[in-house]
N, C-alpha and C. Protein backbone atom coordinates (compact mmCIF):
# COMPACT_ATOMS: atom_id res chain seq x y z
N MET A 1 0.84 -1.31 0.08
CA MET A 1 0.01 -0.13 -0.01
C MET A 1 0.82 1.23 -0.09
N LYS A 2 0.52 2.27 -0.73
CA LYS A 2 1.23 3.46 -1.02
C LYS A 2 0.97 4.25 0.21
N THR A 3 2.15 5.15 0.60
CA THR A 3 1.94 6.23 1.81
C THR A 3 1.52 7.58 1.17
N GLY A 4 0.64 8.11 2.03
CA GLY A 4 0.23 9.52 1.45
C GLY A 4 0.05 10.48 2.82
N TYR A 5 0.45 11.72 2.61
CA TYR A 5 0.26 12.76 3.62
C TYR A 5 -0.76 13.80 2.88
N ALA A 6 -1.88 14.19 3.53
CA ALA A 6 -2.69 15.20 3.07
C ALA A 6 -2.24 16.61 3.49
N TYR A 7 -2.54 17.49 2.56
CA TYR A 7 -2.14 19.00 2.67
C TYR A 7 -3.52 19.60 2.42
N TYR A 8 -4.10 20.41 3.55
CA TYR A 8 -5.23 21.15 3.45
C TYR A 8 -4.99 22.49 3.59
N ARG A 9 -5.68 23.49 2.80
CA ARG A 9 -5.48 24.77 3.03
C ARG A 9 -6.96 25.43 3.37
N VAL A 10 -6.93 26.46 4.35
CA VAL A 10 -8.28 27.38 4.76
C VAL A 10 -7.69 28.70 4.69
N SER A 11 -8.60 29.52 4.46
CA SER A 11 -8.22 30.92 4.20
C SER A 11 -7.81 31.73 5.34
N THR A 12 -8.77 31.50 6.22
CA THR A 12 -8.57 32.40 7.61
C THR A 12 -8.60 31.57 8.84
N GLU A 13 -8.18 32.05 10.07
CA GLU A 13 -8.15 31.31 11.21
C GLU A 13 -9.52 31.12 11.61
N ARG A 14 -10.42 31.69 11.28
CA ARG A 14 -11.97 31.53 11.61
C ARG A 14 -12.27 30.22 10.91
N GLN A 15 -11.95 30.22 9.55
CA GLN A 15 -12.46 28.93 8.89
C GLN A 15 -11.67 27.80 9.35
N GLY A 16 -10.49 27.83 9.74
CA GLY A 16 -9.77 26.71 10.25
C GLY A 16 -10.36 26.35 11.88
N LYS A 17 -10.91 27.30 12.41
CA LYS A 17 -11.25 26.74 13.79
C LYS A 17 -12.66 26.16 13.35
N SER A 18 -13.50 26.77 12.51
CA SER A 18 -14.78 26.34 12.44
C SER A 18 -15.01 25.15 11.68
N GLY A 19 -13.94 24.84 10.82
CA GLY A 19 -14.05 23.62 9.94
C GLY A 19 -14.61 23.94 8.54
N LEU A 20 -15.09 25.35 8.16
CA LEU A 20 -15.71 25.59 6.94
C LEU A 20 -14.66 25.20 5.85
N GLY A 21 -15.00 24.39 5.02
CA GLY A 21 -14.19 24.18 3.87
C GLY A 21 -13.23 23.00 4.14
N LEU A 22 -13.00 22.72 5.27
CA LEU A 22 -12.02 21.55 5.81
C LEU A 22 -12.51 20.50 5.69
N ASP A 23 -13.78 20.16 6.32
CA ASP A 23 -14.49 18.93 6.16
C ASP A 23 -14.65 18.21 4.75
N ALA A 24 -14.89 19.27 3.81
CA ALA A 24 -14.98 18.77 2.17
C ALA A 24 -13.79 18.32 1.97
N GLN A 25 -12.63 18.87 2.19
CA GLN A 25 -11.32 18.33 1.69
C GLN A 25 -10.85 17.17 2.20
N GLN A 26 -11.06 17.10 3.65
CA GLN A 26 -10.71 15.74 4.32
C GLN A 26 -11.47 14.53 3.72
N GLN A 27 -12.75 14.78 3.55
CA GLN A 27 -13.65 13.61 2.90
C GLN A 27 -13.18 13.26 1.63
N ALA A 28 -13.06 14.24 0.76
CA ALA A 28 -12.49 14.00 -0.59
C ALA A 28 -11.15 13.05 -0.49
N VAL A 29 -10.06 13.65 0.26
CA VAL A 29 -8.95 12.81 0.15
C VAL A 29 -8.91 11.30 1.05
N ARG A 30 -9.81 11.52 1.99
CA ARG A 30 -10.04 10.07 2.66
C ARG A 30 -10.65 8.98 1.67
N ALA A 31 -11.65 9.79 1.14
CA ALA A 31 -12.52 8.64 -0.04
C ALA A 31 -11.48 8.32 -1.07
N PHE A 32 -10.48 9.24 -1.51
CA PHE A 32 -9.42 8.92 -2.68
C PHE A 32 -8.40 7.83 -2.15
N CYS A 33 -8.08 7.96 -0.90
CA CYS A 33 -7.20 7.04 -0.31
C CYS A 33 -7.69 5.59 -0.45
N GLN A 34 -9.02 5.52 0.25
CA GLN A 34 -9.62 4.24 0.16
C GLN A 34 -9.81 3.50 -0.90
N SER A 35 -10.09 4.21 -2.07
CA SER A 35 -10.48 3.59 -3.25
C SER A 35 -9.31 3.54 -4.22
N ASN A 36 -7.93 4.18 -3.86
CA ASN A 36 -6.82 4.08 -4.63
C ASN A 36 -5.73 3.56 -4.01
N GLY A 37 -6.05 2.86 -2.91
CA GLY A 37 -4.70 1.98 -2.25
C GLY A 37 -3.66 3.07 -1.50
N TYR A 38 -4.14 4.04 -0.99
CA TYR A 38 -3.16 4.86 -0.35
C TYR A 38 -3.51 4.62 1.46
N ALA A 39 -2.38 4.76 2.07
CA ALA A 39 -2.50 4.60 3.53
C ALA A 39 -2.20 6.16 3.88
N LEU A 40 -3.45 6.69 4.60
CA LEU A 40 -3.08 8.23 5.02
C LEU A 40 -2.27 8.41 6.34
N ALA A 41 -1.04 8.53 6.18
CA ALA A 41 -0.33 8.55 7.35
C ALA A 41 -0.26 10.01 8.26
N GLY A 42 -0.78 10.95 7.54
CA GLY A 42 -0.95 12.17 8.33
C GLY A 42 -1.51 13.24 7.80
N GLU A 43 -1.89 14.29 8.24
CA GLU A 43 -2.55 15.42 7.71
C GLU A 43 -1.90 16.61 8.05
N PHE A 44 -1.76 17.76 7.23
CA PHE A 44 -1.21 18.98 7.33
C PHE A 44 -2.07 20.05 6.80
N ILE A 45 -2.44 21.09 7.93
CA ILE A 45 -3.49 22.05 7.67
C ILE A 45 -2.91 23.37 7.77
N GLU A 46 -3.04 24.09 6.72
CA GLU A 46 -2.45 25.45 6.49
C GLU A 46 -3.46 26.57 6.79
N ILE A 47 -3.44 27.26 7.84
CA ILE A 47 -4.35 28.60 7.88
C ILE A 47 -3.53 29.71 7.52
N GLU A 48 -4.22 30.25 6.36
CA GLU A 48 -3.52 31.55 6.11
C GLU A 48 -4.48 32.55 5.60
N SER A 49 -3.86 33.73 5.65
CA SER A 49 -4.75 34.84 4.95
C SER A 49 -4.52 34.96 3.54
N GLY A 50 -5.16 35.81 2.57
CA GLY A 50 -4.74 35.87 1.24
C GLY A 50 -3.47 36.58 1.01
N LYS A 51 -3.08 37.35 2.10
CA LYS A 51 -1.94 38.28 1.87
C LYS A 51 -0.62 37.42 2.17
N ARG A 52 -0.58 36.23 2.71
CA ARG A 52 0.57 35.70 3.23
C ARG A 52 0.86 34.55 1.98
N ASN A 53 2.10 34.29 1.95
CA ASN A 53 2.49 33.49 0.57
C ASN A 53 3.69 32.61 0.97
N ASN A 54 4.14 32.68 2.41
CA ASN A 54 5.28 31.80 2.64
C ASN A 54 4.84 30.26 3.05
N ARG A 55 3.69 30.03 3.48
CA ARG A 55 3.14 28.81 3.68
C ARG A 55 4.10 27.76 4.41
N PRO A 56 4.47 27.87 5.64
CA PRO A 56 5.25 27.21 6.40
C PRO A 56 4.92 25.65 6.53
N VAL A 57 3.55 25.47 6.77
CA VAL A 57 3.20 24.13 6.82
C VAL A 57 3.18 23.17 5.50
N LEU A 58 3.15 24.12 4.40
CA LEU A 58 3.43 23.32 3.19
C LEU A 58 4.85 22.80 3.07
N GLY A 59 5.60 23.63 3.64
CA GLY A 59 7.18 23.20 3.52
C GLY A 59 7.49 22.06 4.28
N GLU A 60 6.70 21.98 5.59
CA GLU A 60 6.64 20.75 6.32
C GLU A 60 6.47 19.54 5.83
N ALA A 61 5.01 19.47 5.12
CA ALA A 61 4.59 18.59 4.42
C ALA A 61 5.35 18.10 3.31
N LEU A 62 6.05 18.97 2.51
CA LEU A 62 6.77 18.34 1.41
C LEU A 62 8.07 17.86 1.95
N ALA A 63 8.62 18.48 3.02
CA ALA A 63 9.78 17.75 3.74
C ALA A 63 9.53 16.46 4.25
N VAL A 64 8.40 16.23 4.88
CA VAL A 64 8.11 14.78 5.32
C VAL A 64 8.00 13.67 3.99
N CYS A 65 7.24 14.18 3.20
CA CYS A 65 6.95 13.45 1.94
C CYS A 65 8.23 13.06 1.39
N LYS A 66 9.08 14.02 1.17
CA LYS A 66 10.37 13.55 0.65
C LYS A 66 11.37 12.85 1.37
N LYS A 67 11.23 12.79 2.55
CA LYS A 67 12.04 11.92 3.44
C LYS A 67 11.31 10.55 3.48
N GLN A 68 10.33 10.34 3.56
CA GLN A 68 9.54 9.18 3.64
C GLN A 68 9.18 8.54 2.17
N ARG A 69 9.54 9.31 1.15
CA ARG A 69 9.18 9.03 -0.31
C ARG A 69 7.66 8.63 -0.26
N ALA A 70 6.95 9.52 0.34
CA ALA A 70 5.36 9.38 0.24
C ALA A 70 4.86 10.49 -0.84
N THR A 71 3.68 10.21 -0.73
CA THR A 71 2.90 11.18 -1.85
C THR A 71 2.07 12.23 -1.20
N LEU A 72 2.19 13.32 -1.63
CA LEU A 72 1.49 14.63 -1.16
C LEU A 72 0.18 14.64 -1.87
N LEU A 73 -1.06 14.60 -0.93
CA LEU A 73 -2.37 14.43 -1.44
C LEU A 73 -3.03 15.87 -1.13
N ILE A 74 -3.58 16.52 -2.16
CA ILE A 74 -4.45 17.78 -2.07
C ILE A 74 -5.68 17.48 -2.64
N ALA A 75 -6.87 18.23 -2.11
CA ALA A 75 -8.13 17.88 -2.49
C ALA A 75 -8.51 18.44 -3.75
N LYS A 76 -7.94 19.91 -4.07
CA LYS A 76 -8.38 20.50 -5.25
C LYS A 76 -7.25 21.17 -5.73
N LEU A 77 -6.75 20.72 -6.90
CA LEU A 77 -5.56 21.46 -7.62
C LEU A 77 -6.03 22.66 -8.24
N ASP A 78 -7.26 22.87 -8.69
CA ASP A 78 -7.73 24.08 -9.24
C ASP A 78 -7.65 25.37 -8.50
N ARG A 79 -7.78 25.06 -7.22
CA ARG A 79 -7.67 26.24 -6.13
C ARG A 79 -6.20 26.71 -5.86
N LEU A 80 -5.39 25.62 -5.41
CA LEU A 80 -4.08 25.80 -5.27
C LEU A 80 -3.15 25.97 -6.44
N GLY A 81 -3.72 25.48 -7.54
CA GLY A 81 -2.90 25.65 -8.75
C GLY A 81 -2.75 26.92 -9.23
N ARG A 82 -3.82 27.63 -8.85
CA ARG A 82 -3.68 29.18 -9.33
C ARG A 82 -2.94 30.06 -8.60
N ASN A 83 -2.03 29.49 -7.60
CA ASN A 83 -1.11 30.26 -6.91
C ASN A 83 0.35 29.80 -7.39
N VAL A 84 0.99 30.86 -7.89
CA VAL A 84 2.31 30.48 -8.51
C VAL A 84 3.41 30.06 -7.41
N GLY A 85 3.40 30.78 -6.04
CA GLY A 85 4.13 30.21 -5.19
C GLY A 85 4.04 28.76 -4.93
N PHE A 86 2.92 28.20 -4.70
CA PHE A 86 2.50 26.92 -4.48
C PHE A 86 2.99 25.99 -5.51
N ILE A 87 2.51 26.43 -6.83
CA ILE A 87 3.07 25.47 -8.00
C ILE A 87 4.83 25.66 -8.03
N THR A 88 5.30 26.62 -7.78
CA THR A 88 6.99 26.78 -7.85
C THR A 88 7.40 25.79 -6.80
N ARG A 89 6.90 25.96 -5.61
CA ARG A 89 7.34 25.01 -4.39
C ARG A 89 6.95 23.56 -4.81
N LEU A 90 5.95 23.14 -5.24
CA LEU A 90 5.65 22.05 -5.63
C LEU A 90 6.54 21.30 -6.79
N MET A 91 7.05 22.10 -7.55
CA MET A 91 8.02 21.56 -8.68
C MET A 91 9.28 21.38 -8.13
N GLU A 92 9.80 22.36 -7.43
CA GLU A 92 11.10 22.26 -6.92
C GLU A 92 11.42 21.19 -5.88
N ALA A 93 10.23 20.95 -5.06
CA ALA A 93 10.42 19.71 -4.20
C ALA A 93 10.84 18.47 -4.72
N LYS A 94 10.35 18.33 -5.96
CA LYS A 94 10.43 16.82 -6.53
C LYS A 94 9.87 15.98 -5.70
N VAL A 95 8.56 16.11 -5.41
CA VAL A 95 7.59 15.42 -4.46
C VAL A 95 6.60 14.64 -5.35
N ASP A 96 6.30 13.61 -5.23
CA ASP A 96 5.03 13.06 -6.04
C ASP A 96 3.99 13.55 -5.40
N PHE A 97 2.87 13.86 -6.09
CA PHE A 97 1.79 14.45 -5.59
C PHE A 97 0.44 13.93 -6.35
N LYS A 98 -0.58 13.96 -5.88
CA LYS A 98 -1.82 13.63 -6.38
C LYS A 98 -3.08 14.53 -5.93
N ALA A 99 -3.67 15.01 -6.85
CA ALA A 99 -4.92 15.88 -6.62
C ALA A 99 -5.98 15.10 -6.90
N VAL A 100 -6.92 15.09 -5.89
CA VAL A 100 -8.06 14.20 -5.81
C VAL A 100 -8.93 14.81 -7.03
N ASP A 101 -9.03 15.86 -7.29
CA ASP A 101 -10.22 16.54 -8.33
C ASP A 101 -9.49 16.31 -9.54
N ASN A 102 -8.10 16.13 -9.76
CA ASN A 102 -7.27 15.97 -11.15
C ASN A 102 -6.10 14.88 -10.84
N PRO A 103 -6.66 13.60 -10.65
CA PRO A 103 -5.47 12.62 -10.35
C PRO A 103 -4.52 12.31 -11.33
N ASP A 104 -4.82 12.76 -12.63
CA ASP A 104 -4.08 12.51 -13.64
C ASP A 104 -3.06 13.83 -14.16
N ALA A 105 -3.24 14.72 -13.32
CA ALA A 105 -2.28 15.88 -13.56
C ALA A 105 -0.88 15.62 -13.52
N ASP A 106 -0.05 16.03 -14.59
CA ASP A 106 1.40 15.86 -14.48
C ASP A 106 2.09 17.08 -14.31
N LYS A 107 3.31 17.06 -14.68
CA LYS A 107 4.24 18.56 -14.36
C LYS A 107 3.74 19.39 -15.46
N VAL A 108 3.47 18.91 -16.62
CA VAL A 108 3.03 19.71 -17.88
C VAL A 108 1.72 20.61 -17.55
N VAL A 109 0.70 19.71 -16.89
CA VAL A 109 -0.66 20.48 -16.39
C VAL A 109 -0.26 21.53 -15.35
N VAL A 110 0.62 21.07 -14.50
CA VAL A 110 0.95 21.99 -13.18
C VAL A 110 1.65 23.33 -13.88
N HIS A 111 2.32 23.05 -14.86
CA HIS A 111 2.95 24.23 -15.31
C HIS A 111 1.98 25.03 -16.11
N VAL A 112 1.17 24.63 -16.76
CA VAL A 112 0.08 25.04 -17.61
C VAL A 112 -0.37 26.00 -16.50
N MET A 113 -0.99 25.48 -15.45
CA MET A 113 -1.73 26.16 -14.45
C MET A 113 -0.94 27.32 -13.78
N ALA A 114 0.34 27.26 -13.69
CA ALA A 114 1.16 28.27 -13.28
C ALA A 114 1.08 29.42 -14.25
N VAL A 115 1.32 29.13 -15.44
CA VAL A 115 1.13 30.23 -16.30
C VAL A 115 -0.16 30.87 -16.40
N PHE A 116 -1.12 30.11 -16.35
CA PHE A 116 -2.42 30.59 -16.39
C PHE A 116 -2.72 31.57 -15.08
N ALA A 117 -2.29 31.33 -14.03
CA ALA A 117 -2.30 31.91 -12.76
C ALA A 117 -1.54 33.43 -12.81
N GLU A 118 -0.54 33.35 -13.45
CA GLU A 118 0.27 34.46 -13.57
C GLU A 118 -0.29 35.49 -14.68
N HIS A 119 -0.75 34.76 -15.73
CA HIS A 119 -1.55 35.51 -16.71
C HIS A 119 -2.55 36.35 -16.23
N GLU A 120 -3.51 35.58 -15.49
CA GLU A 120 -4.68 36.17 -15.05
C GLU A 120 -4.38 37.51 -14.01
N ARG A 121 -3.35 37.33 -13.27
CA ARG A 121 -3.13 38.09 -12.27
C ARG A 121 -2.31 39.48 -12.71
N ASP A 122 -1.64 39.36 -13.93
CA ASP A 122 -1.07 40.55 -14.33
C ASP A 122 -1.38 40.43 -15.99
N MET A 123 -2.61 40.90 -16.21
CA MET A 123 -3.27 40.98 -17.57
C MET A 123 -2.41 42.10 -18.29
N ILE A 124 -2.06 41.56 -19.50
CA ILE A 124 -1.26 42.39 -20.50
C ILE A 124 -1.83 43.79 -20.60
N SER A 125 -3.12 43.88 -20.72
CA SER A 125 -3.65 45.11 -20.89
C SER A 125 -3.34 46.06 -19.85
N LYS A 126 -3.38 45.52 -18.56
CA LYS A 126 -3.15 46.52 -17.35
C LYS A 126 -1.83 47.07 -17.20
N ARG A 127 -0.99 46.11 -17.73
CA ARG A 127 0.65 46.40 -17.62
C ARG A 127 0.74 47.69 -18.76
N THR A 128 0.09 47.40 -19.86
CA THR A 128 0.30 48.38 -20.97
C THR A 128 -0.26 49.79 -20.40
N LYS A 129 -1.47 49.81 -19.98
CA LYS A 129 -1.86 50.89 -19.47
C LYS A 129 -1.25 51.61 -18.42
N ALA A 130 -0.68 50.75 -17.35
CA ALA A 130 0.00 51.48 -16.41
C ALA A 130 1.29 52.14 -17.04
N ALA A 131 2.13 51.42 -18.17
CA ALA A 131 3.22 51.94 -18.59
C ALA A 131 3.14 53.15 -19.35
N LEU A 132 1.81 53.26 -19.95
CA LEU A 132 1.54 54.52 -20.93
C LEU A 132 1.26 55.64 -19.83
N GLU A 133 0.56 55.46 -18.82
CA GLU A 133 0.27 56.33 -17.86
C GLU A 133 1.63 56.86 -17.18
N ALA A 134 2.67 55.93 -17.04
CA ALA A 134 3.83 56.44 -16.39
C ALA A 134 4.66 57.15 -17.41
N ALA A 135 4.51 56.80 -18.71
CA ALA A 135 5.24 57.51 -19.87
C ALA A 135 4.52 58.95 -19.96
N LYS A 136 3.44 58.97 -19.89
CA LYS A 136 2.60 60.37 -19.96
C LYS A 136 3.28 61.32 -18.69
N LYS A 137 3.28 60.67 -17.35
CA LYS A 137 3.65 61.42 -16.25
C LYS A 137 5.12 62.04 -16.63
N ARG A 138 5.95 61.11 -17.35
CA ARG A 138 7.38 61.55 -17.63
C ARG A 138 7.45 62.50 -18.75
N GLY A 139 6.21 63.09 -19.39
CA GLY A 139 6.16 64.00 -20.34
C GLY A 139 6.30 63.46 -21.90
N VAL A 140 6.32 62.19 -21.83
CA VAL A 140 6.20 61.79 -23.28
C VAL A 140 4.88 62.09 -24.19
N GLU A 141 5.00 62.57 -25.19
CA GLU A 141 3.96 62.88 -26.12
C GLU A 141 3.29 61.75 -26.72
N LEU A 142 2.19 61.31 -26.15
CA LEU A 142 1.69 60.09 -26.58
C LEU A 142 0.85 60.02 -27.89
N GLY A 143 0.55 61.64 -28.27
CA GLY A 143 -0.24 61.57 -29.54
C GLY A 143 0.54 61.17 -30.84
N ALA A 144 1.86 61.55 -30.66
CA ALA A 144 2.87 61.13 -31.82
C ALA A 144 3.70 59.90 -31.46
N ASN A 145 4.02 59.58 -30.26
CA ASN A 145 4.75 58.39 -29.99
C ASN A 145 4.06 57.46 -29.27
N GLY A 146 2.46 57.58 -29.08
CA GLY A 146 1.84 56.59 -28.40
C GLY A 146 1.96 55.23 -29.16
N LYS A 147 1.82 55.10 -30.54
CA LYS A 147 1.96 53.95 -31.11
C LYS A 147 3.20 53.23 -31.01
N TYR A 148 4.51 53.98 -31.05
CA TYR A 148 5.59 53.43 -30.95
C TYR A 148 5.56 52.78 -29.55
N VAL A 149 5.44 53.60 -28.43
CA VAL A 149 5.51 53.14 -26.99
C VAL A 149 4.61 51.84 -26.79
N LEU A 150 3.51 51.82 -27.36
CA LEU A 150 2.55 50.71 -27.50
C LEU A 150 3.06 49.44 -28.09
N SER A 151 3.60 49.73 -29.23
CA SER A 151 4.33 48.49 -30.15
C SER A 151 5.42 47.95 -29.32
N ARG A 152 6.28 48.95 -28.56
CA ARG A 152 7.42 48.23 -27.83
C ARG A 152 6.95 47.45 -26.86
N LEU A 153 5.89 47.91 -26.00
CA LEU A 153 5.32 47.27 -24.84
C LEU A 153 4.86 45.96 -25.39
N ASN A 154 3.95 45.90 -26.33
CA ASN A 154 3.62 44.76 -26.77
C ASN A 154 4.44 43.53 -27.25
N HIS A 155 5.55 44.06 -27.89
CA HIS A 155 6.79 43.37 -28.12
C HIS A 155 7.27 42.58 -26.80
N GLU A 156 7.57 43.54 -25.89
CA GLU A 156 8.09 42.90 -24.73
C GLU A 156 7.22 42.15 -23.92
N ASN A 157 6.13 42.28 -23.96
CA ASN A 157 5.04 41.24 -23.49
C ASN A 157 4.93 39.99 -24.14
N ALA A 158 5.10 40.02 -25.66
CA ALA A 158 4.99 38.75 -26.33
C ALA A 158 6.26 38.01 -26.00
N VAL A 159 7.42 38.79 -25.73
CA VAL A 159 8.52 37.83 -25.48
C VAL A 159 8.50 37.29 -24.17
N ARG A 160 8.01 37.84 -23.16
CA ARG A 160 7.86 37.50 -21.66
C ARG A 160 6.82 36.16 -22.06
N PHE A 161 5.69 36.42 -22.81
CA PHE A 161 4.69 35.08 -22.73
C PHE A 161 5.34 33.98 -23.45
N ALA A 162 6.26 34.14 -24.41
CA ALA A 162 6.80 33.13 -25.22
C ALA A 162 7.77 32.35 -24.23
N GLU A 163 8.42 33.12 -23.34
CA GLU A 163 9.42 32.54 -22.39
C GLU A 163 8.65 31.61 -21.38
N LYS A 164 7.40 31.98 -20.97
CA LYS A 164 6.56 31.22 -20.12
C LYS A 164 6.21 29.89 -20.77
N MET A 165 5.84 30.10 -22.17
CA MET A 165 5.05 29.06 -22.79
C MET A 165 6.11 27.92 -23.28
N SER A 166 7.14 28.36 -23.18
CA SER A 166 8.42 27.45 -23.82
C SER A 166 8.18 26.13 -23.16
N PRO A 167 8.33 25.87 -22.01
CA PRO A 167 8.54 24.61 -21.32
C PRO A 167 6.99 23.92 -21.59
N VAL A 168 5.96 24.56 -21.77
CA VAL A 168 4.50 23.94 -21.82
C VAL A 168 4.66 23.34 -23.09
N ILE A 169 5.22 23.97 -24.31
CA ILE A 169 5.19 23.46 -25.50
C ILE A 169 6.22 22.25 -25.69
N GLU A 170 7.33 22.39 -24.96
CA GLU A 170 8.31 21.43 -24.84
C GLU A 170 7.82 20.30 -24.20
N GLY A 171 6.82 20.38 -23.30
CA GLY A 171 6.26 19.32 -22.39
C GLY A 171 5.05 18.42 -23.35
N LEU A 172 4.53 19.17 -23.89
CA LEU A 172 3.47 18.50 -24.94
C LEU A 172 4.28 17.80 -25.94
N ARG A 173 5.31 18.26 -26.61
CA ARG A 173 6.09 17.54 -27.60
C ARG A 173 6.62 16.15 -27.07
N GLN A 174 6.93 16.29 -25.83
CA GLN A 174 7.58 15.07 -25.15
C GLN A 174 6.47 14.14 -24.77
N GLN A 175 5.10 14.57 -24.78
CA GLN A 175 4.20 13.53 -24.85
C GLN A 175 3.61 13.12 -26.16
N GLY A 176 4.36 13.46 -27.16
CA GLY A 176 3.88 12.87 -28.43
C GLY A 176 3.04 13.85 -29.40
N MET A 177 3.10 14.95 -29.01
CA MET A 177 2.41 16.01 -29.76
C MET A 177 3.11 16.86 -30.33
N TYR A 178 3.49 16.25 -31.81
CA TYR A 178 4.43 17.12 -32.68
C TYR A 178 3.69 18.24 -33.65
N THR A 179 2.70 17.74 -34.05
CA THR A 179 1.96 18.70 -35.07
C THR A 179 1.32 19.98 -34.48
N ILE A 180 1.32 21.01 -35.27
CA ILE A 180 0.81 22.24 -34.76
C ILE A 180 -0.71 22.10 -34.31
N GLN A 181 -1.42 21.26 -35.24
CA GLN A 181 -2.90 21.07 -34.81
C GLN A 181 -2.85 20.23 -33.50
N ALA A 182 -2.08 19.33 -33.24
CA ALA A 182 -2.16 18.52 -32.05
C ALA A 182 -2.03 19.55 -30.84
N ILE A 183 -0.95 20.22 -31.02
CA ILE A 183 -0.72 21.20 -29.91
C ILE A 183 -1.75 22.25 -29.74
N THR A 184 -2.37 22.69 -30.79
CA THR A 184 -3.32 23.61 -30.64
C THR A 184 -4.63 23.08 -29.98
N ASP A 185 -5.09 21.62 -30.24
CA ASP A 185 -6.14 21.00 -29.59
C ASP A 185 -5.74 20.82 -28.12
N GLU A 186 -4.70 20.69 -27.80
CA GLU A 186 -4.18 20.38 -26.35
C GLU A 186 -4.10 21.70 -25.51
N LEU A 187 -3.86 22.63 -26.12
CA LEU A 187 -3.93 23.82 -25.34
C LEU A 187 -5.13 24.37 -25.17
N ASN A 188 -6.09 24.26 -26.23
CA ASN A 188 -7.40 24.61 -25.80
C ASN A 188 -8.23 23.55 -24.91
N ARG A 189 -7.84 22.33 -24.88
CA ARG A 189 -8.35 21.43 -23.87
C ARG A 189 -8.18 21.68 -22.67
N LEU A 190 -6.86 22.04 -22.40
CA LEU A 190 -6.24 22.46 -20.96
C LEU A 190 -6.71 23.73 -20.51
N GLY A 191 -7.43 24.79 -21.44
CA GLY A 191 -7.77 25.75 -21.22
C GLY A 191 -6.69 27.07 -20.84
N VAL A 192 -5.69 26.81 -21.64
CA VAL A 192 -4.59 27.71 -21.47
C VAL A 192 -4.84 28.87 -22.29
N PRO A 193 -4.68 30.24 -21.40
CA PRO A 193 -4.91 31.48 -22.11
C PRO A 193 -4.05 31.82 -23.24
N THR A 194 -4.61 32.45 -24.21
CA THR A 194 -3.84 33.10 -25.35
C THR A 194 -3.16 34.21 -24.82
N PHE A 195 -2.17 34.84 -25.71
CA PHE A 195 -1.41 36.30 -25.34
C PHE A 195 -2.46 37.37 -25.29
N ARG A 196 -3.21 37.24 -26.20
CA ARG A 196 -4.40 38.34 -26.24
C ARG A 196 -5.54 37.97 -25.36
N GLU A 197 -5.94 38.48 -24.09
CA GLU A 197 -6.77 37.94 -23.23
C GLU A 197 -8.22 37.90 -23.77
N HIS A 198 -8.66 38.69 -24.68
CA HIS A 198 -9.82 38.61 -25.37
C HIS A 198 -10.14 37.47 -26.30
N HIS A 199 -9.09 36.80 -26.75
CA HIS A 199 -8.92 35.69 -27.67
C HIS A 199 -9.01 34.44 -26.67
N HIS A 200 -10.10 33.71 -26.63
CA HIS A 200 -10.19 32.60 -25.55
C HIS A 200 -9.87 31.17 -26.19
N ARG A 201 -9.62 31.33 -27.46
CA ARG A 201 -9.03 29.92 -28.15
C ARG A 201 -7.78 30.07 -28.97
N TRP A 202 -7.14 28.98 -28.91
CA TRP A 202 -5.87 29.02 -29.76
C TRP A 202 -6.30 28.45 -31.30
N HIS A 203 -5.42 29.12 -32.10
CA HIS A 203 -5.72 28.56 -33.61
C HIS A 203 -4.37 28.13 -33.99
N PRO A 204 -4.38 27.37 -35.17
CA PRO A 204 -2.89 26.84 -35.68
C PRO A 204 -2.02 27.75 -36.01
N ALA A 205 -2.61 29.08 -36.46
CA ALA A 205 -1.79 30.26 -36.95
C ALA A 205 -1.11 30.80 -35.56
N THR A 206 -1.69 30.99 -34.65
CA THR A 206 -1.23 31.62 -33.29
C THR A 206 -0.07 30.53 -32.66
N VAL A 207 -0.42 29.28 -32.79
CA VAL A 207 0.41 28.41 -32.15
C VAL A 207 1.83 28.24 -33.15
N HIS A 208 1.51 28.34 -34.58
CA HIS A 208 2.73 28.54 -35.29
C HIS A 208 3.54 29.76 -35.03
N TYR A 209 2.89 30.91 -34.82
CA TYR A 209 3.78 32.21 -34.48
C TYR A 209 4.34 32.04 -33.13
N LEU A 210 3.61 31.28 -32.17
CA LEU A 210 4.37 31.20 -30.76
C LEU A 210 5.54 30.30 -30.90
N ILE A 211 5.47 29.37 -31.54
CA ILE A 211 6.46 28.38 -31.54
C ILE A 211 7.71 29.16 -32.41
N LYS A 212 7.21 29.86 -33.58
CA LYS A 212 8.51 30.55 -34.32
C LYS A 212 9.23 31.56 -33.28
N ARG A 213 8.43 32.19 -32.62
CA ARG A 213 8.90 33.21 -31.71
C ARG A 213 9.98 32.53 -30.62
N ILE A 214 9.54 31.30 -29.85
CA ILE A 214 10.33 30.62 -29.11
C ILE A 214 11.53 30.21 -29.65
N LYS A 215 11.45 29.72 -31.03
CA LYS A 215 12.63 29.29 -31.81
C LYS A 215 13.67 30.47 -31.98
N ASN A 216 13.00 31.73 -32.37
CA ASN A 216 13.82 32.75 -32.62
C ASN A 216 14.61 33.37 -31.48
N GLN A 217 14.00 33.23 -30.23
CA GLN A 217 14.54 33.68 -28.83
C GLN A 217 15.75 32.78 -28.37
N SER A 218 15.53 31.48 -28.76
CA SER A 218 16.49 30.71 -28.32
C SER A 218 17.67 30.74 -29.10
N ILE A 219 17.76 31.21 -30.19
CA ILE A 219 18.91 31.42 -31.20
C ILE A 219 20.09 32.29 -30.74
């Protein structure tokens, strides 16, 4: 029988004491263990506010799992997966994990979720607007130079986006998806956001340009 340790997260101390949200996570993980041959050796509960990001209990859970070669079990990957800090620590710890709501999730899926989380938090349009406002305060004449400033910012944003997507594309290729169409279909299936936030779906042409940009940046 495989050994697992559960990691639960509740958002506030009040929730942690009252058990709101915790019972559902525990029931889901325990049911998963029972039906998938895991011995639940322990449980770690992180009580945190939305502002804190260090997660000391997560560090303890990862250390125990690594030492005992156990699996980290979490109830909902879609919730924790939207936090870049959690994803980064999970990837760096090199600990096996299973998400009850998505037990087939691998490193490619996790990395996609990290890209998605960062993309959502820092929308390109907001960065562009802030940069243009800063340029305006510095006295840049946006009437004549606005298009140039905007073009430069869009290029920089596209470069950063390609850097984030590079390991995702490589991971899909390692899974046997070599054609533009296959990669396009998988990106849409996973719900990966496109560079333009108002374009909700990938198309072969956009995937082609993304791969071309990744190749050019690696030269």
